[in-house]
Amino acid sequence: MITQTKLLIEEQLNTSVAIKKMGQLYGSSKNLAIAEILDPDAPSVIVCPNSDSARSVLRDIRFFSDNKLDVELLTDLEMLPYDLNPPIRGLKASRSETFYKLACGQTRLLILNAQNLLWRIPEPSFFTGNAKELKTSDQIKIDDIQDIFSINGYERVNVVTFPGEYSIRGSIIDFYSTINRFAVRIDLIGDTIDSMRQFDIETQLTIEPIESCRIIPVDLFSKTRKEIEFFKMSFRNSNEGNHMEWPLYQSIDDDYEANGVYNYLPYFHKKTVSLLDYFDDETKFICIGDIAESLDAYEELIISRHSDFQMDQQPMISPDDLFFKSSTQIERIVNGNYSTIHEKKVLEKDLSEKNYDSLPISFLLQNIEQSELTNIYEFKAKNNLSKLLLSIPNLLKRNALIEQLKNEDMNYSVVNDWSKFINNQSELCICKEDIDQGFILKNHCLAVLTEKDIYGFKI
């Protein structure tokens, strides 16, 4: 049985030199290393090369940390630069909640796609200054609540079904902000909040009563008359031409999401900032792979789309006004508290660079002429391993393999977190969690195999 709680970075903790480059961390061993590095009491940001990587890092870190780390993922807008289609309402609300928590200092560990570092976003004060907490027995008028919703970017609908919506039916007010987990229904008697309760947006039925709730921004700009007029003024002053012919200028009063409004976000604000401005100097940045390559590629996409999607009907905002330069953002990270994690070996020029003992799963396991269980034990013997963790999220495949083990009368255990695997006496452990990629830790004679390693890409 392995007695260590940290398998990769034990040596790093005993040196006075901070390791800036960590190499030879293959597959999900890089996420294991991150889970061992992270301090839950110190602010940290994990910068991933793309959105798929960010999601897999989130899953892996939760598993390798035994779900003890409160890690958040900044969701992407899922829109390309200069895309005329607006982002999905729920995505905007989720991002706004993350920005609000960052601005309030409530998020300590954040995972993000590197591309988010190039977009200009509102200042932290936009999210903290417009938020409002309501409690039962508060005195408030319906008109005042409606103003609060407009300031925070909510849209009025008949029935609330998505984050970022609100409805008013007589003295009953419904709204959905992800900060409250569920949608909230407020009952007024006159100008007094009589009761509040959470409700299910699918059934519209009450879940439970609550004593307070928060209304926070669900969009990146306010939808008050004052803000719309400020936007139109900024649009006019920043561009030449007849503004009465610009589709967005004409539609913004009635339709907040038409004609590519999110490509003109800076016109809603006196100042926009980088996501990096939400973090203090003590924040540690952990970059997975070559982040510069990812940011440079996204910058090329921005310039290309700006050139290809020029519109005759209205002027387009320049890349410099909508985005930050890749080189500027990289420089800010490198000049701060950061480290990078690579699959490739680093040069180890000094003590700030270190390679680790992980190995990739570099060949296909499956031999179609024999069972998966036989393939697994052959892999174990060939690599002189004492312990194996099999990540099999598919219920049918997992149960089928367990039946094989039972039929062969072989010892195995089912575990639900990393520490239970490490401390387990069984040579073979199975989990339902979806670990992204397999790896071998040669020094500890253990390996992690994923469903793809065992079954290939067969459905």
Protein backbone atom coordinates (compact mmCIF):
# COMPACT_ATOMS: atom_id res chain seq x y z
CA MET A 1 0.00 0.00 0.00
CA ILE A 2 1.25 3.51 -0.84
CA THR A 3 1.60 5.66 2.29
CA GLN A 4 2.37 9.02 0.63
CA THR A 5 -0.47 11.49 0.17
CA LYS A 6 1.37 13.39 -2.59
CA LEU A 7 2.97 11.27 -5.30
CA LEU A 8 4.44 13.92 -7.61
CA ILE A 9 5.42 17.10 -5.82
CA GLU A 10 6.78 15.90 -2.48
CA GLU A 11 10.30 16.95 -3.43
CA GLN A 12 9.14 20.36 -4.61
CA LEU A 13 7.73 21.15 -1.18
CA ASN A 14 11.14 20.59 0.40
CA THR A 15 13.07 23.08 -1.73
CA SER A 16 13.36 26.84 -1.34
CA VAL A 17 13.44 27.34 -5.11
CA ALA A 18 10.05 27.73 -6.76
CA ILE A 19 9.63 25.41 -9.72
CA LYS A 20 8.55 27.41 -12.78
CA LYS A 21 8.54 24.62 -15.35
CA MET A 22 7.27 21.12 -14.65
CA GLY A 23 7.90 18.59 -17.41
CA GLN A 24 7.20 15.00 -18.36
CA LEU A 25 3.71 15.03 -16.89
CA TYR A 26 1.77 12.93 -19.37
CA GLY A 27 -1.97 12.47 -19.67
CA SER A 28 -3.92 13.34 -16.53
CA SER A 29 -0.81 13.18 -14.36
CA LYS A 30 -0.51 16.93 -15.00
CA ASN A 31 -3.91 17.38 -13.36
CA LEU A 32 -2.82 15.19 -10.45
CA ALA A 33 0.22 17.45 -10.06
CA ILE A 34 -2.01 20.54 -10.05
CA ALA A 35 -4.27 19.02 -7.40
CA GLU A 36 -1.20 18.38 -5.24
CA ILE A 37 0.14 21.91 -5.78
CA LEU A 38 -3.04 23.85 -5.10
CA ASP A 39 -3.45 25.53 -1.73
CA PRO A 40 -7.18 26.02 -0.95
CA ASP A 41 -6.36 29.15 1.04
CA ALA A 42 -4.27 30.83 -1.68
CA PRO A 43 -5.81 32.29 -4.87
CA SER A 44 -4.85 30.31 -7.98
CA VAL A 45 -5.80 30.38 -11.65
CA ILE A 46 -5.32 27.41 -13.97
CA VAL A 47 -4.99 28.58 -17.58
CA CYS A 48 -5.85 25.92 -20.16
CA PRO A 49 -5.18 25.99 -23.93
CA ASN A 50 -8.85 25.46 -24.90
CA SER A 51 -12.33 24.91 -23.49
CA ASP A 52 -12.22 21.09 -23.73
CA SER A 53 -9.02 21.06 -21.72
CA ALA A 54 -10.54 23.37 -19.09
CA ARG A 55 -13.52 21.05 -18.57
CA SER A 56 -11.35 17.94 -18.30
CA VAL A 57 -8.99 19.67 -15.85
CA LEU A 58 -11.99 20.57 -13.67
CA ARG A 59 -13.20 16.94 -13.58
CA ASP A 60 -9.76 15.54 -12.89
CA ILE A 61 -8.85 17.99 -10.14
CA ARG A 62 -12.10 17.30 -8.32
CA PHE A 63 -11.32 13.59 -8.41
CA PHE A 64 -7.63 13.83 -7.50
CA SER A 65 -8.38 16.26 -4.64
CA ASP A 66 -11.15 13.98 -3.29
CA ASN A 67 -13.58 16.86 -3.97
CA LYS A 68 -11.95 18.86 -1.17
CA LEU A 69 -10.96 21.80 -3.39
CA ASP A 70 -13.63 24.39 -4.19
CA VAL A 71 -12.72 24.90 -7.85
CA GLU A 72 -14.77 26.96 -10.31
CA LEU A 73 -14.79 26.94 -14.09
CA LEU A 74 -15.25 30.14 -16.09
CA THR A 75 -17.65 29.09 -18.85
CA ASP A 76 -16.92 30.29 -22.37
CA LEU A 77 -19.23 32.60 -24.27
CA GLU A 78 -19.23 29.99 -27.05
CA MET A 79 -19.21 32.68 -29.70
CA LEU A 80 -16.48 33.51 -32.19
CA PRO A 81 -15.00 37.00 -32.42
CA TYR A 82 -17.32 39.30 -34.40
CA ASP A 83 -20.12 36.71 -34.41
CA LEU A 84 -23.50 38.39 -34.97
CA ASN A 85 -25.35 35.74 -32.95
CA PRO A 86 -25.58 36.47 -29.21
CA PRO A 87 -24.26 34.03 -26.58
CA ILE A 88 -26.76 31.76 -24.83
CA ARG A 89 -28.51 33.48 -21.93
CA GLY A 90 -27.50 30.84 -19.40
CA LEU A 91 -23.83 31.16 -20.37
CA LYS A 92 -23.93 34.92 -19.86
CA ALA A 93 -25.49 34.46 -16.42
CA SER A 94 -22.91 31.83 -15.44
CA ARG A 95 -19.99 34.03 -16.53
CA SER A 96 -21.45 37.03 -14.74
CA GLU A 97 -21.77 35.00 -11.54
CA THR A 98 -18.08 34.04 -11.80
CA PHE A 99 -17.06 37.66 -12.36
CA TYR A 100 -19.17 38.70 -9.38
CA LYS A 101 -17.55 36.09 -7.11
CA LEU A 102 -14.08 37.09 -8.30
CA ALA A 103 -14.84 40.76 -7.67
CA CYS A 104 -16.07 39.90 -4.15
CA GLY A 105 -13.08 37.67 -3.41
CA GLN A 106 -15.30 34.60 -3.06
CA THR A 107 -13.50 32.47 -5.68
CA ARG A 108 -10.07 31.17 -4.70
CA LEU A 109 -9.44 28.55 -7.38
CA LEU A 110 -10.46 29.23 -10.99
CA ILE A 111 -10.02 27.25 -14.22
CA LEU A 112 -10.33 29.06 -17.54
CA ASN A 113 -9.73 28.78 -21.24
CA ALA A 114 -6.80 31.05 -22.17
CA GLN A 115 -8.88 32.82 -24.84
CA ASN A 116 -10.85 34.55 -22.08
CA LEU A 117 -7.74 36.59 -21.27
CA LEU A 118 -8.03 38.54 -24.53
CA TRP A 119 -11.64 39.75 -24.25
CA ARG A 120 -12.33 43.15 -22.70
CA ILE A 121 -14.86 42.91 -19.87
CA PRO A 122 -16.49 45.36 -17.41
CA GLU A 123 -14.64 46.50 -14.30
CA PRO A 124 -15.21 44.51 -11.09
CA SER A 125 -17.23 47.42 -9.71
CA PHE A 126 -19.88 46.83 -12.38
CA PHE A 127 -20.71 43.47 -10.79
CA THR A 128 -20.36 44.43 -7.13
CA GLY A 129 -21.92 47.89 -7.35
CA ASN A 130 -25.13 46.75 -9.02
CA ALA A 131 -25.84 43.66 -6.89
CA LYS A 132 -28.71 43.77 -4.41
CA GLU A 133 -29.71 41.56 -1.48
CA LEU A 134 -33.39 41.24 -0.59
CA LYS A 135 -34.83 39.90 2.67
CA THR A 136 -38.31 39.12 3.89
CA SER A 137 -39.99 42.16 5.47
CA ASP A 138 -37.90 44.55 3.32
CA GLN A 139 -39.75 47.61 2.09
CA ILE A 140 -39.52 47.94 -1.69
CA LYS A 141 -41.77 49.02 -4.54
CA ILE A 142 -42.35 46.94 -7.67
CA ASP A 143 -40.99 49.77 -9.82
CA ASP A 144 -37.78 49.77 -7.78
CA ILE A 145 -37.38 45.99 -8.18
CA GLN A 146 -37.94 46.37 -11.92
CA ASP A 147 -35.17 48.99 -12.03
CA ILE A 148 -32.83 46.62 -10.17
CA PHE A 149 -33.48 43.91 -12.75
CA SER A 150 -32.82 46.31 -15.65
CA ILE A 151 -29.59 47.56 -14.09
CA ASN A 152 -28.40 43.97 -13.69
CA GLY A 153 -29.25 42.96 -17.25
CA TYR A 154 -32.36 40.80 -16.72
CA GLU A 155 -35.01 40.48 -19.41
CA ARG A 156 -38.70 40.50 -18.66
CA VAL A 157 -40.67 37.45 -19.83
CA ASN A 158 -44.09 35.93 -19.18
CA VAL A 159 -42.72 32.77 -17.53
CA VAL A 160 -39.20 32.42 -16.10
CA THR A 161 -37.40 29.42 -17.60
CA PHE A 162 -33.74 30.51 -17.97
CA PRO A 163 -31.15 32.36 -15.90
CA GLY A 164 -31.30 36.09 -16.56
CA GLU A 165 -35.09 36.32 -16.77
CA TYR A 166 -37.74 37.85 -14.54
CA SER A 167 -41.52 38.17 -14.61
CA ILE A 168 -44.07 40.27 -12.73
CA ARG A 169 -47.64 39.07 -12.27
CA GLY A 170 -49.50 41.39 -9.97
CA SER A 171 -47.68 41.23 -6.63
CA ILE A 172 -45.72 38.07 -7.53
CA ILE A 173 -42.19 38.48 -8.87
CA ASP A 174 -40.16 35.57 -10.29
CA PHE A 175 -36.50 35.76 -11.28
CA TYR A 176 -33.63 33.39 -11.94
CA SER A 177 -30.06 34.19 -10.97
CA THR A 178 -27.61 31.29 -10.73
CA ILE A 179 -26.13 32.77 -7.54
CA ASN A 180 -29.29 31.56 -5.74
CA ARG A 181 -29.03 28.05 -7.19
CA PHE A 182 -32.77 27.93 -7.97
CA ALA A 183 -35.23 30.46 -9.33
CA VAL A 184 -36.85 32.70 -6.68
CA ARG A 185 -40.49 33.75 -6.24
CA ILE A 186 -41.16 36.90 -4.22
CA ASP A 187 -44.62 37.71 -2.80
CA LEU A 188 -45.36 41.32 -1.99
CA ILE A 189 -48.06 42.71 0.23
CA GLY A 190 -48.18 46.36 -0.69
CA ASP A 191 -44.56 47.52 -0.65
CA THR A 192 -43.40 44.82 1.78
CA ILE A 193 -41.77 41.49 0.91
CA ASP A 194 -44.09 39.03 2.61
CA SER A 195 -42.32 35.80 1.61
CA MET A 196 -39.71 34.31 -0.70
CA ARG A 197 -39.28 30.78 -1.90
CA GLN A 198 -37.23 28.82 -4.40
CA PHE A 199 -39.12 27.09 -7.18
CA ASP A 200 -38.49 24.56 -9.93
CA ILE A 201 -38.44 26.20 -13.36
CA GLU A 202 -39.70 22.98 -14.99
CA THR A 203 -42.76 22.45 -12.80
CA GLN A 204 -43.03 25.99 -11.36
CA LEU A 205 -43.62 24.31 -7.97
CA THR A 206 -42.09 25.48 -4.68
CA ILE A 207 -38.89 23.79 -3.49
CA GLU A 208 -38.46 25.52 -0.13
CA PRO A 209 -39.00 28.91 1.55
CA ILE A 210 -36.00 31.23 2.00
CA GLU A 211 -35.35 34.32 4.08
CA SER A 212 -33.10 36.21 1.64
CA CYS A 213 -31.86 36.20 -1.96
CA ARG A 214 -29.41 38.10 -4.12
CA ILE A 215 -29.88 39.82 -7.44
CA ILE A 216 -26.55 40.05 -9.26
CA PRO A 217 -25.70 41.00 -12.86
CA VAL A 218 -26.57 38.31 -15.40
CA ASP A 219 -25.15 40.13 -18.42
CA LEU A 220 -22.14 42.26 -19.31
CA PHE A 221 -24.13 45.48 -19.62
CA SER A 222 -27.14 47.12 -18.01
CA LYS A 223 -30.42 47.52 -19.88
CA THR A 224 -31.64 50.79 -18.43
CA ARG A 225 -32.59 53.77 -20.58
CA LYS A 226 -29.54 55.64 -19.23
CA GLU A 227 -27.13 52.87 -20.28
CA ILE A 228 -28.69 52.50 -23.72
CA GLU A 229 -28.34 56.24 -24.33
CA PHE A 230 -24.70 56.06 -23.18
CA PHE A 231 -24.11 53.20 -25.63
CA LYS A 232 -25.62 55.16 -28.51
CA MET A 233 -23.55 58.21 -27.68
CA SER A 234 -20.35 56.12 -27.55
CA PHE A 235 -21.28 54.47 -30.85
CA ARG A 236 -21.79 57.87 -32.53
CA ASN A 237 -18.67 59.48 -31.10
CA SER A 238 -16.40 56.56 -31.98
CA ASN A 239 -17.40 56.20 -35.63
CA GLU A 240 -18.07 58.27 -38.71
CA GLY A 241 -21.19 58.01 -40.86
CA ASN A 242 -24.93 58.36 -40.57
CA HIS A 243 -25.83 56.59 -37.34
CA MET A 244 -29.51 56.56 -38.31
CA GLU A 245 -28.63 53.95 -40.94
CA TRP A 246 -26.80 51.61 -38.55
CA PRO A 247 -29.00 48.55 -37.77
CA LEU A 248 -27.64 48.10 -34.22
CA TYR A 249 -28.14 51.78 -33.38
CA GLN A 250 -31.77 51.53 -34.46
CA SER A 251 -32.57 48.14 -32.84
CA ILE A 252 -30.88 48.53 -29.43
CA ASP A 253 -33.93 50.25 -27.90
CA ASP A 254 -36.18 47.24 -28.50
CA ASP A 255 -33.83 44.26 -28.99
CA TYR A 256 -30.77 44.00 -26.78
CA GLU A 257 -29.24 41.05 -28.61
CA ALA A 258 -29.63 41.83 -32.33
CA ASN A 259 -26.99 42.90 -34.86
CA GLY A 260 -23.93 41.69 -32.97
CA VAL A 261 -24.26 43.89 -29.89
CA TYR A 262 -21.68 41.85 -27.92
CA ASN A 263 -19.02 42.94 -30.40
CA TYR A 264 -19.60 46.50 -29.18
CA LEU A 265 -19.42 45.85 -25.42
CA PRO A 266 -16.90 48.66 -24.68
CA TYR A 267 -19.48 51.23 -25.82
CA PHE A 268 -21.61 50.37 -22.77
CA HIS A 269 -18.86 51.20 -20.28
CA LYS A 270 -16.60 54.12 -19.47
CA LYS A 271 -13.78 51.64 -19.00
CA THR A 272 -13.17 47.97 -19.75
CA VAL A 273 -10.46 45.78 -18.24
CA SER A 274 -8.76 42.43 -18.62
CA LEU A 275 -9.75 39.38 -16.59
CA LEU A 276 -6.24 39.62 -15.14
CA ASP A 277 -7.31 42.84 -13.40
CA TYR A 278 -9.65 40.77 -11.20
CA PHE A 279 -6.67 39.09 -9.49
CA ASP A 280 -4.18 40.48 -6.98
CA ASP A 281 -0.40 40.15 -7.09
CA GLU A 282 -0.47 37.10 -4.81
CA THR A 283 -2.50 35.02 -7.26
CA LYS A 284 -0.61 32.04 -8.65
CA PHE A 285 -1.09 31.22 -12.33
CA ILE A 286 -0.61 27.62 -13.46
CA CYS A 287 -0.40 27.37 -17.25
CA ILE A 288 -0.95 24.05 -18.98
CA GLY A 289 1.24 23.71 -22.04
CA ASP A 290 2.22 26.58 -24.31
CA ILE A 291 -0.39 29.22 -23.50
CA ALA A 292 1.38 31.71 -25.79
CA GLU A 293 0.66 29.46 -28.77
CA SER A 294 -3.04 29.31 -27.89
CA LEU A 295 -3.33 33.07 -27.38
CA ASP A 296 -1.39 33.89 -30.56
CA ALA A 297 -3.66 31.59 -32.58
CA TYR A 298 -6.76 33.24 -31.12
CA GLU A 299 -5.36 36.69 -31.89
CA GLU A 300 -4.86 35.63 -35.51
CA LEU A 301 -8.48 34.45 -35.59
CA ILE A 302 -9.65 37.82 -34.24
CA ILE A 303 -7.76 39.76 -36.90
CA SER A 304 -8.92 37.40 -39.65
CA ARG A 305 -12.59 37.59 -38.69
CA HIS A 306 -12.47 41.36 -38.35
CA SER A 307 -11.11 41.55 -41.87
CA ASP A 308 -13.52 38.99 -43.34
CA PHE A 309 -16.73 40.21 -41.69
CA GLN A 310 -16.65 43.92 -42.49
CA MET A 311 -20.24 45.21 -42.76
CA ASP A 312 -21.51 47.86 -45.17
CA GLN A 313 -24.51 48.70 -42.97
CA GLN A 314 -22.59 49.77 -39.84
CA PRO A 315 -18.99 50.32 -38.67
CA MET A 316 -17.21 47.54 -36.77
CA ILE A 317 -15.27 48.10 -33.59
CA SER A 318 -11.52 47.54 -34.04
CA PRO A 319 -9.73 44.54 -32.50
CA ASP A 320 -7.70 46.88 -30.27
CA ASP A 321 -10.89 48.29 -28.76
CA LEU A 322 -12.56 44.90 -28.18
CA PHE A 323 -9.56 42.72 -27.27
CA PHE A 324 -6.19 42.87 -25.55
CA LYS A 325 -2.95 41.93 -27.29
CA SER A 326 -1.74 38.38 -26.76
CA SER A 327 1.81 39.53 -26.01
CA THR A 328 0.59 41.94 -23.33
CA GLN A 329 -1.38 39.29 -21.47
CA ILE A 330 1.45 36.74 -21.65
CA GLU A 331 3.91 39.29 -20.31
CA ARG A 332 1.63 40.08 -17.36
CA ILE A 333 1.40 36.40 -16.41
CA VAL A 334 5.12 35.68 -16.84
CA ASN A 335 6.08 38.71 -14.75
CA GLY A 336 3.93 37.47 -11.88
CA ASN A 337 3.66 34.32 -9.77
CA TYR A 338 3.35 31.55 -12.34
CA SER A 339 4.42 28.06 -13.35
CA THR A 340 3.90 25.96 -16.47
CA ILE A 341 3.17 22.27 -16.83
CA HIS A 342 4.30 20.34 -19.91
CA GLU A 343 4.02 16.82 -21.22
CA LYS A 344 7.39 17.18 -22.93
CA LYS A 345 10.64 17.09 -21.00
CA VAL A 346 12.03 20.45 -19.86
CA LEU A 347 15.74 21.21 -20.06
CA GLU A 348 16.32 21.31 -16.28
CA LYS A 349 18.77 24.20 -16.70
CA ASP A 350 18.42 25.01 -13.00
CA LEU A 351 16.37 24.09 -9.93
CA SER A 352 13.35 26.01 -11.26
CA GLU A 353 12.84 23.34 -13.94
CA LYS A 354 12.02 19.74 -13.08
CA ASN A 355 10.92 16.58 -14.88
CA TYR A 356 8.70 13.99 -13.20
CA ASP A 357 8.41 10.24 -13.52
CA SER A 358 5.13 9.85 -15.37
CA LEU A 359 4.84 7.89 -18.61
CA PRO A 360 2.14 8.02 -21.28
CA ILE A 361 -0.17 5.20 -22.24
CA SER A 362 1.52 5.05 -25.61
CA PHE A 363 -0.07 2.00 -27.20
CA LEU A 364 -3.53 0.56 -27.70
CA LEU A 365 -4.46 -1.95 -25.03
CA GLN A 366 -7.25 -3.75 -26.78
CA ASN A 367 -6.59 -7.08 -28.48
CA ILE A 368 -9.90 -8.01 -30.06
CA GLU A 369 -9.11 -11.72 -29.83
CA GLN A 370 -9.03 -11.70 -26.04
CA SER A 371 -11.07 -10.15 -23.23
CA GLU A 372 -10.56 -6.64 -21.86
CA LEU A 373 -9.60 -8.18 -18.52
CA THR A 374 -6.82 -10.23 -20.14
CA ASN A 375 -5.54 -7.11 -21.91
CA ILE A 376 -5.50 -5.21 -18.60
CA TYR A 377 -3.50 -7.86 -16.75
CA GLU A 378 -1.05 -8.20 -19.63
CA PHE A 379 -0.52 -4.43 -19.50
CA LYS A 380 0.02 -4.63 -15.73
CA ALA A 381 2.60 -7.42 -16.04
CA LYS A 382 4.45 -5.83 -18.97
CA ASN A 383 4.93 -2.57 -17.07
CA ASN A 384 5.73 -4.20 -13.68
CA LEU A 385 2.84 -2.42 -11.97
CA SER A 386 1.46 -3.21 -8.54
CA LYS A 387 -1.73 -1.11 -8.72
CA LEU A 388 -4.17 -0.13 -11.46
CA LEU A 389 -7.07 2.33 -11.41
CA LEU A 390 -9.63 1.83 -14.16
CA SER A 391 -11.80 4.85 -14.98
CA ILE A 392 -15.00 3.51 -16.60
CA PRO A 393 -17.87 6.04 -16.55
CA ASN A 394 -20.05 3.89 -18.81
CA LEU A 395 -22.33 1.86 -16.51
CA LEU A 396 -22.76 -1.12 -18.87
CA LYS A 397 -19.04 -1.47 -19.52
CA ARG A 398 -18.21 -1.06 -15.86
CA ASN A 399 -20.69 -3.73 -14.78
CA ALA A 400 -19.52 -6.08 -17.54
CA LEU A 401 -15.92 -5.80 -16.38
CA ILE A 402 -16.93 -6.34 -12.75
CA GLU A 403 -18.77 -9.50 -13.82
CA GLN A 404 -15.62 -10.74 -15.53
CA LEU A 405 -13.66 -10.15 -12.32
CA LYS A 406 -16.26 -12.00 -10.27
CA ASN A 407 -16.31 -14.92 -12.69
CA GLU A 408 -12.52 -15.18 -12.53
CA ASP A 409 -12.68 -14.84 -8.71
CA MET A 410 -10.24 -11.92 -8.83
CA ASN A 411 -9.81 -9.35 -6.08
CA TYR A 412 -10.90 -5.79 -6.92
CA SER A 413 -12.37 -2.68 -5.26
CA VAL A 414 -14.72 0.07 -6.36
CA VAL A 415 -13.54 3.53 -5.27
CA ASN A 416 -14.90 7.04 -5.68
CA ASP A 417 -11.84 9.20 -5.07
CA TRP A 418 -8.06 9.19 -5.45
CA SER A 419 -7.09 8.71 -1.80
CA LYS A 420 -9.28 5.61 -1.51
CA PHE A 421 -7.43 4.15 -4.49
CA ILE A 422 -4.00 5.02 -3.06
CA ASN A 423 -4.84 3.54 0.35
CA ASN A 424 -6.65 0.48 -0.99
CA GLN A 425 -5.09 -2.98 -0.63
CA SER A 426 -6.52 -4.21 -3.95
CA GLU A 427 -4.24 -4.32 -6.97
CA LEU A 428 -7.16 -3.43 -9.24
CA CYS A 429 -9.57 -0.59 -8.49
CA ILE A 430 -12.48 0.70 -10.57
CA CYS A 431 -14.14 4.11 -10.49
CA LYS A 432 -17.06 5.66 -12.37
CA GLU A 433 -15.43 9.11 -12.54
CA ASP A 434 -14.37 10.16 -16.04
CA ILE A 435 -10.62 10.72 -15.84
CA ASP A 436 -9.45 12.44 -19.01
CA GLN A 437 -6.28 10.52 -19.94
CA GLY A 438 -4.37 7.57 -18.60
CA PHE A 439 -0.79 7.64 -17.29
CA ILE A 440 1.85 5.57 -15.50
CA LEU A 441 3.77 6.61 -12.37
CA LYS A 442 6.76 4.32 -12.69
CA ASN A 443 8.34 5.18 -9.34
CA HIS A 444 5.15 4.15 -7.55
CA CYS A 445 4.41 1.16 -9.81
CA LEU A 446 0.88 2.34 -10.53
CA ALA A 447 -1.14 3.40 -13.55
CA VAL A 448 -4.47 4.93 -14.44
CA LEU A 449 -6.32 3.55 -17.44
CA THR A 450 -9.32 5.29 -18.97
CA GLU A 451 -12.27 3.81 -20.78
CA LYS A 452 -10.67 4.77 -24.11
CA ASP A 453 -7.47 2.93 -23.13
CA ILE A 454 -9.41 -0.24 -22.32
CA TYR A 455 -12.10 -0.25 -24.97
CA GLY A 456 -10.75 2.09 -27.63
CA PHE A 457 -13.25 4.41 -29.25
CA LYS A 458 -15.88 1.73 -29.79
CA ILE A 459 -19.45 2.66 -28.76
